[in-house]
């Protein structure tokens, strides 16, 4: 289940989590492009949900949308990491 954040400090936590996942992926997949961590394109669901919750004029709207996208990217990257083949070095 997707947990969406509304607290401005959560964005920093999301960025840290995403960077940790990216590092794990890059350790297992040398060809993964870690310079472009935003894999998920804009989703109408994030914009709609945050607009209904805060309204577009509220500064928390932008924070809500950013956190929503970060949550989606974290899910995407976790799925990518979990589906990487395990490399065995003899």
C-alpha atoms as a PDB file:
ATOM      1  CA  UNK A   1       0.000   0.000   0.000  1.00  0.00           C
ATOM      2  CA  UNK A   2       1.304   3.416  -0.976  1.00  0.00           C
ATOM      3  CA  UNK A   3       1.830   5.683   2.010  1.00  0.00           C
ATOM      4  CA  UNK A   4       1.774   9.330   1.006  1.00  0.00           C
ATOM      5  CA  UNK A   5       3.499  11.891   3.180  1.00  0.00           C
ATOM      6  CA  UNK A   6       2.287  15.365   4.028  1.00  0.00           C
ATOM      7  CA  UNK A   7       5.032  16.522   6.378  1.00  0.00           C
ATOM      8  CA  UNK A   8       7.749  18.690   4.742  1.00  0.00           C
ATOM      9  CA  UNK A   9      10.481  16.795   6.611  1.00  0.00           C
ATOM     10  CA  UNK A  10       9.361  13.555   4.964  1.00  0.00           C
ATOM     11  CA  UNK A  11      10.747  14.719   1.607  1.00  0.00           C
ATOM     12  CA  UNK A  12      14.290  14.571   2.986  1.00  0.00           C
ATOM     13  CA  UNK A  13      13.629  11.093   4.374  1.00  0.00           C
ATOM     14  CA  UNK A  14      12.326   9.999   0.964  1.00  0.00           C
ATOM     15  CA  UNK A  15      15.397  11.367  -0.825  1.00  0.00           C
ATOM     16  CA  UNK A  16      17.693   9.569   1.640  1.00  0.00           C
ATOM     17  CA  UNK A  17      15.785   6.312   1.205  1.00  0.00           C
ATOM     18  CA  UNK A  18      15.861   6.647  -2.581  1.00  0.00           C
ATOM     19  CA  UNK A  19      19.635   7.297  -2.563  1.00  0.00           C
ATOM     20  CA  UNK A  20      20.212   4.224  -0.372  1.00  0.00           C
ATOM     21  CA  UNK A  21      18.171   2.058  -2.750  1.00  0.00           C
ATOM     22  CA  UNK A  22      20.010   3.502  -5.771  1.00  0.00           C
ATOM     23  CA  UNK A  23      23.352   2.661  -4.163  1.00  0.00           C
ATOM     24  CA  UNK A  24      22.223  -0.932  -3.559  1.00  0.00           C
ATOM     25  CA  UNK A  25      21.051  -1.241  -7.167  1.00  0.00           C
ATOM     26  CA  UNK A  26      24.291   0.186  -8.547  1.00  0.00           C
ATOM     27  CA  UNK A  27      26.301  -2.297  -6.471  1.00  0.00           C
ATOM     28  CA  UNK A  28      24.395  -5.127  -8.191  1.00  0.00           C
ATOM     29  CA  UNK A  29      23.795  -3.659 -11.660  1.00  0.00           C
ATOM     30  CA  UNK A  30      26.696  -1.714 -13.189  1.00  0.00           C
ATOM     31  CA  UNK A  31      24.589  -0.637 -16.153  1.00  0.00           C
ATOM     32  CA  UNK A  32      21.828   0.992 -14.089  1.00  0.00           C
ATOM     33  CA  UNK A  33      21.697   4.764 -14.684  1.00  0.00           C
ATOM     34  CA  UNK A  34      21.757   6.189 -11.176  1.00  0.00           C
ATOM     35  CA  UNK A  35      22.125   9.724 -12.532  1.00  0.00           C
ATOM     36  CA  UNK A  36      18.429   9.695 -13.417  1.00  0.00           C
ATOM     37  CA  UNK A  37      16.646   8.351 -10.316  1.00  0.00           C
ATOM     38  CA  UNK A  38      13.188   9.672 -11.213  1.00  0.00           C
ATOM     39  CA  UNK A  39      11.741   6.702 -13.062  1.00  0.00           C
ATOM     40  CA  UNK A  40       8.074   7.447 -12.519  1.00  0.00           C
ATOM     41  CA  UNK A  41       6.483  10.044 -14.747  1.00  0.00           C
ATOM     42  CA  UNK A  42       3.848  12.441 -13.478  1.00  0.00           C
ATOM     43  CA  UNK A  43       0.695  10.682 -12.342  1.00  0.00           C
ATOM     44  CA  UNK A  44      -2.650  12.437 -12.343  1.00  0.00           C
ATOM     45  CA  UNK A  45      -3.442  10.605  -9.103  1.00  0.00           C
ATOM     46  CA  UNK A  46      -0.818  12.557  -7.160  1.00  0.00           C
ATOM     47  CA  UNK A  47      -2.006  15.908  -8.471  1.00  0.00           C
ATOM     48  CA  UNK A  48      -5.677  15.106  -7.901  1.00  0.00           C
ATOM     49  CA  UNK A  49      -5.196  13.693  -4.407  1.00  0.00           C
ATOM     50  CA  UNK A  50      -3.040  16.588  -3.211  1.00  0.00           C
ATOM     51  CA  UNK A  51      -5.307  19.207  -4.801  1.00  0.00           C
ATOM     52  CA  UNK A  52      -8.307  17.735  -2.995  1.00  0.00           C
ATOM     53  CA  UNK A  53      -6.428  17.529   0.290  1.00  0.00           C
ATOM     54  CA  UNK A  54      -4.772  20.961   0.317  1.00  0.00           C
ATOM     55  CA  UNK A  55      -5.939  23.028  -2.642  1.00  0.00           C
ATOM     56  CA  UNK A  56      -3.489  24.319  -5.227  1.00  0.00           C
ATOM     57  CA  UNK A  57      -2.892  27.632  -3.421  1.00  0.00           C
ATOM     58  CA  UNK A  58      -1.650  25.987  -0.217  1.00  0.00           C
ATOM     59  CA  UNK A  59       2.170  25.616  -0.004  1.00  0.00           C
ATOM     60  CA  UNK A  60       1.607  22.083   1.297  1.00  0.00           C
ATOM     61  CA  UNK A  61       0.226  21.154  -2.148  1.00  0.00           C
ATOM     62  CA  UNK A  62       3.722  21.229  -3.683  1.00  0.00           C
ATOM     63  CA  UNK A  63       5.154  19.269  -0.752  1.00  0.00           C
ATOM     64  CA  UNK A  64       2.381  16.688  -1.065  1.00  0.00           C
ATOM     65  CA  UNK A  65       2.954  16.252  -4.824  1.00  0.00           C
ATOM     66  CA  UNK A  66       6.744  15.953  -4.393  1.00  0.00           C
ATOM     67  CA  UNK A  67       6.342  13.346  -1.662  1.00  0.00           C
ATOM     68  CA  UNK A  68       3.789  11.427  -3.713  1.00  0.00           C
ATOM     69  CA  UNK A  69       6.211  11.204  -6.656  1.00  0.00           C
ATOM     70  CA  UNK A  70       9.055  10.225  -4.339  1.00  0.00           C
ATOM     71  CA  UNK A  71       6.929   7.457  -2.813  1.00  0.00           C
ATOM     72  CA  UNK A  72       6.124   6.132  -6.286  1.00  0.00           C
ATOM     73  CA  UNK A  73       9.802   6.205  -7.266  1.00  0.00           C
ATOM     74  CA  UNK A  74      10.811   4.402  -4.065  1.00  0.00           C
ATOM     75  CA  UNK A  75       8.286   1.668  -4.849  1.00  0.00           C
ATOM     76  CA  UNK A  76       9.595   1.417  -8.419  1.00  0.00           C
ATOM     77  CA  UNK A  77      13.232   1.241  -7.308  1.00  0.00           C
ATOM     78  CA  UNK A  78      12.483  -1.319  -4.561  1.00  0.00           C
ATOM     79  CA  UNK A  79      10.736  -3.511  -7.140  1.00  0.00           C
ATOM     80  CA  UNK A  80      13.697  -3.145  -9.486  1.00  0.00           C
ATOM     81  CA  UNK A  81      16.124  -4.061  -6.706  1.00  0.00           C
ATOM     82  CA  UNK A  82      14.078  -7.056  -5.562  1.00  0.00           C
ATOM     83  CA  UNK A  83      13.935  -8.430  -9.105  1.00  0.00           C
ATOM     84  CA  UNK A  84      17.650  -8.169  -9.847  1.00  0.00           C
ATOM     85  CA  UNK A  85      19.258 -11.555 -10.204  1.00  0.00           C
ATOM     86  CA  UNK A  86      21.537 -12.473  -7.335  1.00  0.00           C
ATOM     87  CA  UNK A  87      25.130 -12.490  -8.516  1.00  0.00           C
ATOM     88  CA  UNK A  88      27.247 -15.331  -7.219  1.00  0.00           C
ATOM     89  CA  UNK A  89      30.999 -14.874  -7.294  1.00  0.00           C
ATOM     90  CA  UNK A  90      33.093 -18.002  -6.857  1.00  0.00           C
END
